[in-house]
C-alpha atoms as a PDB file:
ATOM      1  CA  MET A   1     -20.324   6.220   9.805  1.00  0.00           C
ATOM      2  CA  GLY A   2     -18.431   3.558   7.921  1.00  0.00           C
ATOM      3  CA  THR A   3     -18.261  -0.192   8.126  1.00  0.00           C
ATOM      4  CA  ALA A   4     -15.057  -2.140   8.827  1.00  0.00           C
ATOM      5  CA  PHE A   5     -14.225  -3.906   5.577  1.00  0.00           C
ATOM      6  CA  THR A   6     -11.389  -6.355   4.848  1.00  0.00           C
ATOM      7  CA  VAL A   7      -9.638  -6.134   1.464  1.00  0.00           C
ATOM      8  CA  ILE A   8      -7.068  -8.751   0.466  1.00  0.00           C
ATOM      9  CA  GLU A   9      -4.598  -7.986  -2.314  1.00  0.00           C
ATOM     10  CA  ASP A  10      -1.349  -9.695  -3.255  1.00  0.00           C
ATOM     11  CA  GLY A  11      -1.177 -11.604   0.030  1.00  0.00           C
ATOM     12  CA  ARG A  12      -1.715  -8.471   2.137  1.00  0.00           C
ATOM     13  CA  THR A  13      -4.793  -7.803   4.222  1.00  0.00           C
ATOM     14  CA  ALA A  14      -6.068  -4.281   4.820  1.00  0.00           C
ATOM     15  CA  GLU A  15      -8.812  -3.382   7.271  1.00  0.00           C
ATOM     16  CA  LEU A  16     -10.535  -0.357   5.755  1.00  0.00           C
ATOM     17  CA  GLU A  17     -13.458   1.824   6.633  1.00  0.00           C
ATOM     18  CA  ALA A  18     -16.025   1.578   3.843  1.00  0.00           C
ATOM     19  CA  GLN A  19     -19.479   2.840   3.059  1.00  0.00           C
ATOM     20  CA  VAL A  20     -21.671  -0.138   2.150  1.00  0.00           C
ATOM     21  CA  GLU A  21     -25.016   0.398   0.431  1.00  0.00           C
ATOM     22  CA  GLY A  22     -26.748  -2.662  -0.952  1.00  0.00           C
ATOM     23  CA  GLY A  23     -24.098  -4.458  -2.972  1.00  0.00           C
ATOM     24  CA  ASP A  24     -21.899  -1.379  -3.420  1.00  0.00           C
ATOM     25  CA  VAL A  25     -18.733  -0.783  -1.429  1.00  0.00           C
ATOM     26  CA  ARG A  26     -17.201   2.680  -1.476  1.00  0.00           C
ATOM     27  CA  LEU A  27     -13.879   3.691   0.024  1.00  0.00           C
ATOM     28  CA  SER A  28     -12.596   7.123   0.951  1.00  0.00           C
ATOM     29  CA  ALA A  29      -9.552   8.379  -0.931  1.00  0.00           C
ATOM     30  CA  ASP A  30      -7.579   8.085   2.336  1.00  0.00           C
ATOM     31  CA  ALA A  31      -8.611   4.439   2.825  1.00  0.00           C
ATOM     32  CA  LEU A  32      -7.638   3.616  -0.771  1.00  0.00           C
ATOM     33  CA  ARG A  33      -4.240   5.290  -0.326  1.00  0.00           C
ATOM     34  CA  ASP A  34      -3.433   4.051   3.183  1.00  0.00           C
ATOM     35  CA  GLY A  35      -4.848   0.537   2.777  1.00  0.00           C
ATOM     36  CA  LEU A  36      -4.017  -0.344  -0.832  1.00  0.00           C
ATOM     37  CA  GLY A  37      -1.426   2.250  -1.855  1.00  0.00           C
ATOM     38  CA  TRP A  38      -3.502   3.762  -4.697  1.00  0.00           C
ATOM     39  CA  GLU A  39      -4.264   7.459  -5.157  1.00  0.00           C
ATOM     40  CA  LEU A  40      -6.697   9.154  -7.526  1.00  0.00           C
ATOM     41  CA  LYS A  41      -4.758  11.929  -9.266  1.00  0.00           C
ATOM     42  CA  ASP A  42      -5.306  14.047 -12.357  1.00  0.00           C
ATOM     43  CA  GLU A  43      -3.414  11.456 -14.431  1.00  0.00           C
ATOM     44  CA  GLY A  44      -5.563   8.589 -13.091  1.00  0.00           C
ATOM     45  CA  LEU A  45      -5.234   5.941 -10.389  1.00  0.00           C
ATOM     46  CA  CYS A  46      -1.598   5.861  -9.296  1.00  0.00           C
ATOM     47  CA  ARG A  47       0.495   3.561  -7.143  1.00  0.00           C
ATOM     48  CA  GLY A  48       4.081   4.713  -6.989  1.00  0.00           C
ATOM     49  CA  ALA A  49       5.287   5.419 -10.527  1.00  0.00           C
ATOM     50  CA  LEU A  50       2.459   3.395 -12.110  1.00  0.00           C
ATOM     51  CA  CYS A  51      -0.593   5.406 -13.207  1.00  0.00           C
ATOM     52  CA  VAL A  52      -3.680   3.895 -14.838  1.00  0.00           C
ATOM     53  CA  PRO A  53      -5.815   6.363 -16.810  1.00  0.00           C
ATOM     54  CA  VAL A  54      -9.447   6.541 -15.697  1.00  0.00           C
ATOM     55  CA  ARG A  55     -11.916   7.056 -18.539  1.00  0.00           C
ATOM     56  CA  ASP A  56     -15.095   7.432 -16.515  1.00  0.00           C
ATOM     57  CA  ARG A  57     -14.426   9.221 -13.237  1.00  0.00           C
ATOM     58  CA  SER A  58     -18.169   9.519 -12.560  1.00  0.00           C
ATOM     59  CA  ALA A  59     -18.436   5.704 -12.367  1.00  0.00           C
ATOM     60  CA  LEU A  60     -15.302   5.472 -10.221  1.00  0.00           C
ATOM     61  CA  GLN A  61     -16.076   8.242  -7.772  1.00  0.00           C
ATOM     62  CA  VAL A  62     -19.580   8.317  -6.288  1.00  0.00           C
ATOM     63  CA  GLU A  63     -20.455  10.945  -3.698  1.00  0.00           C
ATOM     64  CA  GLY A  64     -16.771  11.631  -3.065  1.00  0.00           C
ATOM     65  CA  ARG A  65     -15.891   7.965  -2.475  1.00  0.00           C
ATOM     66  CA  ILE A  66     -14.225   5.385  -4.720  1.00  0.00           C
ATOM     67  CA  ASP A  67     -16.479   2.506  -5.813  1.00  0.00           C
ATOM     68  CA  LEU A  68     -14.569  -0.748  -5.195  1.00  0.00           C
ATOM     69  CA  ARG A  69     -15.969  -2.543  -8.279  1.00  0.00           C
ATOM     70  CA  ALA A  70     -15.183   0.414 -10.560  1.00  0.00           C
ATOM     71  CA  PHE A  71     -11.700   0.639  -9.013  1.00  0.00           C
ATOM     72  CA  ALA A  72     -11.017  -3.060  -9.710  1.00  0.00           C
ATOM     73  CA  ASP A  73     -12.217  -2.648 -13.306  1.00  0.00           C
ATOM     74  CA  ALA A  74     -10.074   0.452 -13.815  1.00  0.00           C
ATOM     75  CA  VAL A  75      -6.855  -1.208 -12.610  1.00  0.00           C
ATOM     76  CA  GLY A  76      -7.630  -4.512 -14.376  1.00  0.00           C
ATOM     77  CA  GLN A  77      -7.913  -6.678 -11.271  1.00  0.00           C
ATOM     78  CA  PRO A  78     -10.653  -9.277 -10.808  1.00  0.00           C
ATOM     79  CA  LEU A  79     -12.712  -8.713  -7.672  1.00  0.00           C
ATOM     80  CA  ALA A  80     -14.313 -11.286  -5.384  1.00  0.00           C
ATOM     81  CA  LEU A  81     -16.725  -9.413  -3.139  1.00  0.00           C
ATOM     82  CA  ASP A  82     -18.818 -10.651  -0.210  1.00  0.00           C
ATOM     83  CA  VAL A  83     -20.716  -7.697   1.198  1.00  0.00           C
ATOM     84  CA  ASP A  84     -22.427  -9.811   3.884  1.00  0.00           C
ATOM     85  CA  GLU A  85     -19.036 -10.863   5.280  1.00  0.00           C
ATOM     86  CA  ALA A  86     -17.517  -7.383   4.730  1.00  0.00           C
ATOM     87  CA  CYS A  87     -14.661  -8.874   2.728  1.00  0.00           C
ATOM     88  CA  ALA A  88     -13.181  -8.489  -0.752  1.00  0.00           C
ATOM     89  CA  ALA A  89     -10.200  -9.941  -2.591  1.00  0.00           C
ATOM     90  CA  LEU A  90      -8.456  -8.302  -5.530  1.00  0.00           C
ATOM     91  CA  GLY A  91      -6.805 -10.771  -7.892  1.00  0.00           C
ATOM     92  CA  THR A  92      -3.678 -10.535 -10.000  1.00  0.00           C
ATOM     93  CA  PRO A  93      -3.985  -7.867 -12.724  1.00  0.00           C
ATOM     94  CA  VAL A  94      -5.063  -9.157 -16.131  1.00  0.00           C
ATOM     95  CA  ALA A  95      -1.834  -8.005 -17.816  1.00  0.00           C
ATOM     96  CA  ASP A  96       0.279  -9.926 -15.287  1.00  0.00           C
ATOM     97  CA  ARG A  97      -1.820 -13.096 -15.658  1.00  0.00           C
ATOM     98  CA  THR A  98      -1.597 -12.845 -19.452  1.00  0.00           C
ATOM     99  CA  ARG A  99       2.181 -12.469 -19.329  1.00  0.00           C
ATOM    100  CA  LEU A 100       2.461 -15.521 -17.044  1.00  0.00           C
ATOM    101  CA  LEU A 101       0.173 -17.613 -19.233  1.00  0.00           C
ATOM    102  CA  GLU A 102       2.243 -16.780 -22.308  1.00  0.00           C
ATOM    103  CA  THR A 103       5.353 -18.257 -20.657  1.00  0.00           C
ATOM    104  CA  LEU A 104       3.507 -21.526 -19.913  1.00  0.00           C
ATOM    105  CA  GLU A 105       5.442 -21.655 -16.638  1.00  0.00           C
ATOM    106  CA  ALA A 106       3.533 -22.601 -13.504  1.00  0.00           C
ATOM    107  CA  PRO A 107       4.130 -20.411 -10.459  1.00  0.00           C
ATOM    108  CA  ASP A 108       6.211 -21.966  -7.723  1.00  0.00           C
ATOM    109  CA  PHE A 109       4.466 -23.352  -4.655  1.00  0.00           C
ATOM    110  CA  THR A 110       5.319 -25.656  -1.761  1.00  0.00           C
ATOM    111  CA  LEU A 111       3.013 -28.310  -0.313  1.00  0.00           C
ATOM    112  CA  PRO A 112       3.604 -31.098   2.193  1.00  0.00           C
ATOM    113  CA  ASP A 113       3.354 -34.772   1.237  1.00  0.00           C
ATOM    114  CA  LEU A 114       1.420 -37.294   3.341  1.00  0.00           C
ATOM    115  CA  ASP A 115       4.374 -37.540   5.751  1.00  0.00           C
ATOM    116  CA  GLY A 116       4.538 -33.751   6.158  1.00  0.00           C
ATOM    117  CA  LYS A 117       7.733 -33.308   4.126  1.00  0.00           C
ATOM    118  CA  PRO A 118       7.492 -30.100   2.032  1.00  0.00           C
ATOM    119  CA  HIS A 119       7.945 -30.312  -1.742  1.00  0.00           C
ATOM    120  CA  SER A 120       8.315 -27.309  -4.062  1.00  0.00           C
ATOM    121  CA  LEU A 121       7.493 -27.282  -7.739  1.00  0.00           C
ATOM    122  CA  SER A 122      10.802 -25.509  -8.377  1.00  0.00           C
ATOM    123  CA  ASP A 123      12.615 -28.625  -7.061  1.00  0.00           C
ATOM    124  CA  HIS A 124      11.450 -30.404 -10.224  1.00  0.00           C
ATOM    125  CA  ARG A 125      12.329 -27.782 -12.875  1.00  0.00           C
ATOM    126  CA  GLY A 126      13.412 -29.410 -16.111  1.00  0.00           C
ATOM    127  CA  LYS A 127      11.487 -32.600 -15.344  1.00  0.00           C
ATOM    128  CA  LYS A 128       8.030 -33.622 -16.407  1.00  0.00           C
ATOM    129  CA  VAL A 129       5.614 -33.292 -13.504  1.00  0.00           C
ATOM    130  CA  LEU A 130       2.001 -34.418 -13.239  1.00  0.00           C
ATOM    131  CA  LEU A 131      -0.050 -32.180 -10.974  1.00  0.00           C
ATOM    132  CA  ILE A 132      -3.417 -33.390  -9.733  1.00  0.00           C
ATOM    133  CA  ALA A 133      -5.656 -30.918  -7.943  1.00  0.00           C
ATOM    134  CA  TYR A 134      -8.760 -31.755  -5.986  1.00  0.00           C
ATOM    135  CA  ALA A 135     -11.269 -29.571  -4.215  1.00  0.00           C
ATOM    136  CA  SER A 136     -14.051 -30.783  -1.965  1.00  0.00           C
ATOM    137  CA  TRP A 137     -16.563 -28.113  -2.903  1.00  0.00           C
END
């Protein structure tokens, strides 16, 4: 019997059935395909036309299930995992982050000012902008 597990990737949320043992989360091949769009094939982990070779299938596939940490490593995505809350988030692939960092261009976002009026970073393209971020934690 599996555990309901939430996986967030690229702004999408998938509710998957997972096998959780200690700190390990393992997904069935069907859950990986239906929830995240990835399939384990002879050529590696594939999503559409993109295939990522898998060097160590024994680390990726344990007892017929795909280990979530090994999957994230194989496809080059950082993983934030909270087993107690049955939730995981896959970040932007390393290659994509590297390409964005090389351009030195900040991604666009929109936030409201103190009066609630939305402002987008793209509204200020070509101008110097000072961004100040604060977090309470």
